[in-house]
PDB file of all heavy atoms in Angstrom:
ATOM      1  N   PRO A   1     -11.362  -1.983   7.528  1.00  0.00           N
ATOM      2  CA  PRO A   1     -10.215  -2.645   6.673  1.00  0.00           C
ATOM      3  C   PRO A   1     -10.160  -2.172   5.205  1.00  0.00           C
ATOM      4  O   PRO A   1      -9.155  -1.985   4.685  1.00  0.00           O
ATOM      5  CB  PRO A   1     -10.547  -4.117   6.726  1.00  0.00           C
ATOM      6  CG  PRO A   1     -11.450  -4.192   7.931  1.00  0.00           C
ATOM      7  CD  PRO A   1     -12.162  -3.032   8.131  1.00  0.00           C
ATOM      8  N   ARG A   2     -11.425  -1.942   4.646  1.00  0.00           N
ATOM      9  CA  ARG A   2     -11.399  -1.483   3.195  1.00  0.00           C
ATOM     10  C   ARG A   2     -10.794  -0.156   3.030  1.00  0.00           C
ATOM     11  O   ARG A   2     -10.008   0.168   2.197  1.00  0.00           O
ATOM     12  CB  ARG A   2     -12.818  -1.567   2.614  1.00  0.00           C
ATOM     13  CG  ARG A   2     -12.855  -1.272   1.150  1.00  0.00           C
ATOM     14  CD  ARG A   2     -14.230  -1.410   0.627  1.00  0.00           C
ATOM     15  NE  ARG A   2     -14.876  -2.662   0.664  1.00  0.00           N
ATOM     16  CZ  ARG A   2     -16.084  -3.041   0.353  1.00  0.00           C
ATOM     17  NH1 ARG A   2     -16.965  -1.994   0.016  1.00  0.00           N
ATOM     18  NH2 ARG A   2     -16.538  -4.212   0.513  1.00  0.00           N
ATOM     19  N   GLU A   3     -11.135   0.756   4.096  1.00  0.00           N
ATOM     20  CA  GLU A   3     -10.719   2.053   3.937  1.00  0.00           C
ATOM     21  C   GLU A   3      -9.187   2.181   4.285  1.00  0.00           C
ATOM     22  O   GLU A   3      -8.374   2.981   3.709  1.00  0.00           O
ATOM     23  CB  GLU A   3     -11.377   3.020   4.986  1.00  0.00           C
ATOM     24  CG  GLU A   3     -12.860   3.208   4.562  1.00  0.00           C
ATOM     25  CD  GLU A   3     -13.048   3.817   3.248  1.00  0.00           C
ATOM     26  OE1 GLU A   3     -12.391   4.816   2.820  1.00  0.00           O
ATOM     27  OE2 GLU A   3     -13.842   3.306   2.393  1.00  0.00           O
ATOM     28  N   GLU A   4      -8.755   1.342   5.146  1.00  0.00           N
ATOM     29  CA  GLU A   4      -7.295   1.360   5.556  1.00  0.00           C
ATOM     30  C   GLU A   4      -6.577   0.723   4.378  1.00  0.00           C
ATOM     31  O   GLU A   4      -5.498   1.352   4.022  1.00  0.00           O
ATOM     32  CB  GLU A   4      -7.038   0.310   6.708  1.00  0.00           C
ATOM     33  CG  GLU A   4      -5.521   0.093   7.120  1.00  0.00           C
ATOM     34  CD  GLU A   4      -5.478  -1.097   7.993  1.00  0.00           C
ATOM     35  OE1 GLU A   4      -5.949  -2.213   7.708  1.00  0.00           O
ATOM     36  OE2 GLU A   4      -4.594  -1.004   8.898  1.00  0.00           O
ATOM     37  N   LYS A   5      -6.930  -0.334   3.591  1.00  0.00           N
ATOM     38  CA  LYS A   5      -6.371  -0.668   2.535  1.00  0.00           C
ATOM     39  C   LYS A   5      -6.163   0.213   1.386  1.00  0.00           C
ATOM     40  O   LYS A   5      -5.075   0.427   0.838  1.00  0.00           O
ATOM     41  CB  LYS A   5      -6.964  -2.039   1.936  1.00  0.00           C
ATOM     42  CG  LYS A   5      -6.219  -2.756   0.802  1.00  0.00           C
ATOM     43  CD  LYS A   5      -6.977  -4.092   0.434  1.00  0.00           C
ATOM     44  CE  LYS A   5      -6.161  -4.714  -0.623  1.00  0.00           C
ATOM     45  NZ  LYS A   5      -6.796  -6.067  -1.046  1.00  0.00           N
ATOM     46  N   LYS A   6      -7.108   0.944   1.127  1.00  0.00           N
ATOM     47  CA  LYS A   6      -7.241   1.978   0.213  1.00  0.00           C
ATOM     48  C   LYS A   6      -6.268   3.117   0.539  1.00  0.00           C
ATOM     49  O   LYS A   6      -5.483   3.522  -0.338  1.00  0.00           O
ATOM     50  CB  LYS A   6      -8.693   2.691   0.046  1.00  0.00           C
ATOM     51  CG  LYS A   6      -8.887   3.495  -1.196  1.00  0.00           C
ATOM     52  CD  LYS A   6     -10.245   4.226  -1.074  1.00  0.00           C
ATOM     53  CE  LYS A   6     -11.410   3.313  -1.008  1.00  0.00           C
ATOM     54  NZ  LYS A   6     -12.646   4.110  -1.021  1.00  0.00           N
ATOM     55  N   TYR A   7      -6.162   3.486   1.734  1.00  0.00           N
ATOM     56  CA  TYR A   7      -5.330   4.559   2.331  1.00  0.00           C
ATOM     57  C   TYR A   7      -3.817   4.110   2.072  1.00  0.00           C
ATOM     58  O   TYR A   7      -3.095   4.876   1.530  1.00  0.00           O
ATOM     59  CB  TYR A   7      -5.594   4.767   3.736  1.00  0.00           C
ATOM     60  CG  TYR A   7      -4.701   5.777   4.515  1.00  0.00           C
ATOM     61  CD1 TYR A   7      -5.126   7.105   4.603  1.00  0.00           C
ATOM     62  CD2 TYR A   7      -3.510   5.267   5.079  1.00  0.00           C
ATOM     63  CE1 TYR A   7      -4.261   8.039   5.281  1.00  0.00           C
ATOM     64  CE2 TYR A   7      -2.784   6.126   5.779  1.00  0.00           C
ATOM     65  CZ  TYR A   7      -3.089   7.443   5.940  1.00  0.00           C
ATOM     66  OH  TYR A   7      -2.197   8.339   6.532  1.00  0.00           O
ATOM     67  N   VAL A   8      -3.471   2.913   2.449  1.00  0.00           N
ATOM     68  CA  VAL A   8      -2.162   2.413   2.399  1.00  0.00           C
ATOM     69  C   VAL A   8      -1.800   2.232   0.904  1.00  0.00           C
ATOM     70  O   VAL A   8      -0.642   2.579   0.454  1.00  0.00           O
ATOM     71  CB  VAL A   8      -1.934   1.082   3.145  1.00  0.00           C
ATOM     72  CG1 VAL A   8      -0.496   0.503   2.853  1.00  0.00           C
ATOM     73  CG2 VAL A   8      -2.082   1.284   4.609  1.00  0.00           C
ATOM     74  N   GLN A   9      -2.705   1.729   0.093  1.00  0.00           N
ATOM     75  CA  GLN A   9      -2.378   1.473  -1.422  1.00  0.00           C
ATOM     76  C   GLN A   9      -2.033   2.732  -2.001  1.00  0.00           C
ATOM     77  O   GLN A   9      -1.162   2.836  -2.998  1.00  0.00           O
ATOM     78  CB  GLN A   9      -3.459   0.698  -1.981  1.00  0.00           C
ATOM     79  CG  GLN A   9      -3.116   0.158  -3.452  1.00  0.00           C
ATOM     80  CD  GLN A   9      -1.970  -0.840  -3.268  1.00  0.00           C
ATOM     81  OE1 GLN A   9      -2.049  -1.836  -2.635  1.00  0.00           O
ATOM     82  NE2 GLN A   9      -0.966  -0.683  -4.159  1.00  0.00           N
ATOM     83  N   LYS A  10      -2.843   3.842  -1.717  1.00  0.00           N
ATOM     84  CA  LYS A  10      -2.599   5.163  -2.321  1.00  0.00           C
ATOM     85  C   LYS A  10      -1.114   5.546  -2.070  1.00  0.00           C
ATOM     86  O   LYS A  10      -0.519   6.067  -2.937  1.00  0.00           O
ATOM     87  CB  LYS A  10      -3.463   6.196  -1.771  1.00  0.00           C
ATOM     88  CG  LYS A  10      -3.399   7.540  -2.492  1.00  0.00           C
ATOM     89  CD  LYS A  10      -4.373   8.475  -2.053  1.00  0.00           C
ATOM     90  CE  LYS A  10      -4.427   9.796  -2.869  1.00  0.00           C
ATOM     91  NZ  LYS A  10      -3.106  10.384  -3.022  1.00  0.00           N
ATOM     92  N   GLN A  11      -0.568   5.399  -0.803  1.00  0.00           N
ATOM     93  CA  GLN A  11       0.833   5.822  -0.607  1.00  0.00           C
ATOM     94  C   GLN A  11       1.833   4.988  -1.225  1.00  0.00           C
ATOM     95  O   GLN A  11       2.835   5.433  -1.860  1.00  0.00           O
ATOM     96  CB  GLN A  11       0.967   5.765   0.931  1.00  0.00           C
ATOM     97  CG  GLN A  11       0.152   6.774   1.776  1.00  0.00           C
ATOM     98  CD  GLN A  11      -0.087   7.983   1.214  1.00  0.00           C
ATOM     99  OE1 GLN A  11       0.885   8.687   0.854  1.00  0.00           O
ATOM    100  NE2 GLN A  11      -1.366   8.458   1.074  1.00  0.00           N
ATOM    101  N   ILE A  12       1.549   3.636  -1.307  1.00  0.00           N
ATOM    102  CA  ILE A  12       2.452   2.784  -2.061  1.00  0.00           C
ATOM    103  C   ILE A  12       2.486   3.201  -3.579  1.00  0.00           C
ATOM    104  O   ILE A  12       3.509   3.208  -4.045  1.00  0.00           O
ATOM    105  CB  ILE A  12       1.931   1.402  -1.910  1.00  0.00           C
ATOM    106  CG1 ILE A  12       2.192   0.870  -0.461  1.00  0.00           C
ATOM    107  CG2 ILE A  12       2.699   0.384  -2.866  1.00  0.00           C
ATOM    108  CD1 ILE A  12       1.562  -0.602  -0.166  1.00  0.00           C
ATOM    109  N   ASN A  13       1.346   3.481  -4.081  1.00  0.00           N
ATOM    110  CA  ASN A  13       1.393   3.867  -5.495  1.00  0.00           C
ATOM    111  C   ASN A  13       1.969   5.288  -5.748  1.00  0.00           C
ATOM    112  O   ASN A  13       2.726   5.432  -6.676  1.00  0.00           O
ATOM    113  CB  ASN A  13      -0.115   3.834  -6.040  1.00  0.00           C
ATOM    114  CG  ASN A  13      -0.752   2.462  -6.065  1.00  0.00           C
ATOM    115  OD1 ASN A  13       0.035   1.437  -6.066  1.00  0.00           O
ATOM    116  ND2 ASN A  13      -2.101   2.487  -6.182  1.00  0.00           N
ATOM    117  N   ASP A  14       1.591   6.217  -5.008  1.00  0.00           N
ATOM    118  CA  ASP A  14       2.110   7.554  -5.116  1.00  0.00           C
ATOM    119  C   ASP A  14       3.518   7.702  -4.939  1.00  0.00           C
ATOM    120  O   ASP A  14       4.244   8.504  -5.660  1.00  0.00           O
ATOM    121  CB  ASP A  14       1.472   8.507  -4.179  1.00  0.00           C
ATOM    122  CG  ASP A  14      -0.175   8.797  -4.423  1.00  0.00           C
ATOM    123  OD1 ASP A  14      -0.568   8.293  -5.574  1.00  0.00           O
ATOM    124  OD2 ASP A  14      -0.763   9.392  -3.719  1.00  0.00           O
ATOM    125  N   LEU A  15       4.103   6.887  -4.055  1.00  0.00           N
ATOM    126  CA  LEU A  15       5.568   6.960  -3.779  1.00  0.00           C
ATOM    127  C   LEU A  15       6.305   5.908  -4.451  1.00  0.00           C
ATOM    128  O   LEU A  15       7.524   5.738  -4.328  1.00  0.00           O
ATOM    129  CB  LEU A  15       5.776   6.870  -2.187  1.00  0.00           C
ATOM    130  CG  LEU A  15       5.221   8.139  -1.494  1.00  0.00           C
ATOM    131  CD1 LEU A  15       5.181   7.948   0.099  1.00  0.00           C
ATOM    132  CD2 LEU A  15       6.109   9.356  -1.626  1.00  0.00           C
ATOM    133  N   SER A  16       5.686   5.046  -5.212  1.00  0.00           N
ATOM    134  CA  SER A  16       6.337   3.920  -6.024  1.00  0.00           C
ATOM    135  C   SER A  16       7.133   3.049  -5.056  1.00  0.00           C
ATOM    136  O   SER A  16       8.398   2.754  -5.306  1.00  0.00           O
ATOM    137  CB  SER A  16       7.253   4.559  -7.194  1.00  0.00           C
ATOM    138  OG  SER A  16       6.395   5.341  -8.024  1.00  0.00           O
ATOM    139  N   VAL A  17       6.487   2.546  -4.071  1.00  0.00           N
ATOM    140  CA  VAL A  17       7.256   1.608  -3.144  1.00  0.00           C
ATOM    141  C   VAL A  17       7.249   0.341  -3.870  1.00  0.00           C
ATOM    142  O   VAL A  17       6.281  -0.298  -4.214  1.00  0.00           O
ATOM    143  CB  VAL A  17       6.512   1.474  -1.832  1.00  0.00           C
ATOM    144  CG1 VAL A  17       7.149   0.485  -0.861  1.00  0.00           C
ATOM    145  CG2 VAL A  17       6.314   2.813  -1.152  1.00  0.00           C
ATOM    146  N   LYS A  18       8.587  -0.238  -3.959  1.00  0.00           N
ATOM    147  CA  LYS A  18       8.724  -1.547  -4.652  1.00  0.00           C
ATOM    148  C   LYS A  18       8.537  -2.612  -3.500  1.00  0.00           C
ATOM    149  O   LYS A  18       9.266  -2.798  -2.648  1.00  0.00           O
ATOM    150  CB  LYS A  18      10.170  -1.603  -5.256  1.00  0.00           C
ATOM    151  CG  LYS A  18      10.331  -0.737  -6.472  1.00  0.00           C
ATOM    152  CD  LYS A  18      11.739  -0.994  -7.105  1.00  0.00           C
ATOM    153  CE  LYS A  18      11.992   0.035  -8.266  1.00  0.00           C
ATOM    154  NZ  LYS A  18      13.315  -0.304  -8.720  1.00  0.00           N
ATOM    155  N   CYS A  19       7.501  -3.288  -3.703  1.00  0.00           N
ATOM    156  CA  CYS A  19       7.222  -4.623  -2.728  1.00  0.00           C
ATOM    157  C   CYS A  19       6.332  -5.562  -3.336  1.00  0.00           C
ATOM    158  O   CYS A  19       5.664  -5.255  -4.435  1.00  0.00           O
ATOM    159  CB  CYS A  19       6.440  -3.841  -1.596  1.00  0.00           C
ATOM    160  SG  CYS A  19       4.945  -3.003  -1.935  1.00  0.00           S
ATOM    161  N   ALA A  20       6.346  -6.661  -2.791  1.00  0.00           N
ATOM    162  CA  ALA A  20       5.588  -7.769  -3.295  1.00  0.00           C
ATOM    163  C   ALA A  20       4.039  -7.511  -2.986  1.00  0.00           C
ATOM    164  O   ALA A  20       3.104  -7.773  -3.806  1.00  0.00           O
ATOM    165  CB  ALA A  20       6.038  -9.111  -2.620  1.00  0.00           C
ATOM    166  N   GLU A  21       3.770  -7.080  -1.863  1.00  0.00           N
ATOM    167  CA  GLU A  21       2.439  -6.732  -1.245  1.00  0.00           C
ATOM    168  C   GLU A  21       2.487  -5.811  -0.163  1.00  0.00           C
ATOM    169  O   GLU A  21       3.565  -5.862   0.473  1.00  0.00           O
ATOM    170  CB  GLU A  21       1.736  -8.061  -0.929  1.00  0.00           C
ATOM    171  CG  GLU A  21       2.360  -8.869   0.088  1.00  0.00           C
ATOM    172  CD  GLU A  21       1.530 -10.052   0.483  1.00  0.00           C
ATOM    173  OE1 GLU A  21       0.492 -10.172   0.026  1.00  0.00           O
ATOM    174  OE2 GLU A  21       1.946 -10.799   1.276  1.00  0.00           O
ATOM    175  N   MET A  22       1.463  -5.220   0.292  1.00  0.00           N
ATOM    176  CA  MET A  22       1.431  -4.180   1.336  1.00  0.00           C
ATOM    177  C   MET A  22       1.666  -5.053   2.728  1.00  0.00           C
ATOM    178  O   MET A  22       2.104  -4.463   3.699  1.00  0.00           O
ATOM    179  CB  MET A  22      -0.008  -3.388   1.468  1.00  0.00           C
ATOM    180  CG  MET A  22      -1.137  -4.185   1.806  1.00  0.00           C
ATOM    181  SD  MET A  22      -2.508  -3.069   2.029  1.00  0.00           S
ATOM    182  CE  MET A  22      -2.624  -2.208   0.448  1.00  0.00           C
ATOM    183  N   ASP A  23       1.332  -6.309   2.812  1.00  0.00           N
ATOM    184  CA  ASP A  23       1.530  -7.104   4.064  1.00  0.00           C
ATOM    185  C   ASP A  23       3.008  -7.693   4.108  1.00  0.00           C
ATOM    186  O   ASP A  23       3.270  -8.286   5.055  1.00  0.00           O
ATOM    187  CB  ASP A  23       0.479  -8.213   4.196  1.00  0.00           C
ATOM    188  CG  ASP A  23      -0.870  -7.580   4.320  1.00  0.00           C
ATOM    189  OD1 ASP A  23      -1.044  -6.718   5.239  1.00  0.00           O
ATOM    190  OD2 ASP A  23      -1.904  -8.153   3.805  1.00  0.00           O
ATOM    191  N   GLN A  24       3.817  -7.347   3.119  1.00  0.00           N
ATOM    192  CA  GLN A  24       5.329  -7.687   3.314  1.00  0.00           C
ATOM    193  C   GLN A  24       5.946  -6.996   4.562  1.00  0.00           C
ATOM    194  O   GLN A  24       5.649  -5.722   4.767  1.00  0.00           O
ATOM    195  CB  GLN A  24       5.915  -7.329   2.036  1.00  0.00           C
ATOM    196  CG  GLN A  24       7.400  -7.745   2.054  1.00  0.00           C
ATOM    197  CD  GLN A  24       7.980  -7.290   0.724  1.00  0.00           C
ATOM    198  OE1 GLN A  24       7.319  -6.967  -0.384  1.00  0.00           O
ATOM    199  NE2 GLN A  24       9.302  -7.324   0.574  1.00  0.00           N
ATOM    200  N   TYR A  25       6.847  -7.673   5.245  1.00  0.00           N
ATOM    201  CA  TYR A  25       7.497  -7.078   6.336  1.00  0.00           C
ATOM    202  C   TYR A  25       8.515  -5.856   5.816  1.00  0.00           C
ATOM    203  O   TYR A  25       9.168  -6.075   4.748  1.00  0.00           O
ATOM    204  CB  TYR A  25       8.435  -8.008   7.044  1.00  0.00           C
ATOM    205  CG  TYR A  25       7.693  -8.732   8.107  1.00  0.00           C
ATOM    206  CD1 TYR A  25       6.309  -8.659   8.336  1.00  0.00           C
ATOM    207  CD2 TYR A  25       8.315  -9.665   8.924  1.00  0.00           C
ATOM    208  CE1 TYR A  25       5.650  -9.435   9.291  1.00  0.00           C
ATOM    209  CE2 TYR A  25       7.694 -10.403  10.015  1.00  0.00           C
ATOM    210  CZ  TYR A  25       6.259 -10.262  10.048  1.00  0.00           C
ATOM    211  OH  TYR A  25       5.700 -10.954  11.050  1.00  0.00           O
TER     212      TYR A  25
END
């Protein structure tokens, strides 16, 4: 889980995805 979260957060940050959190639909 920790590695998954780090992996996903990097893409959210790098691509500037506007969202409340990564678990948002």
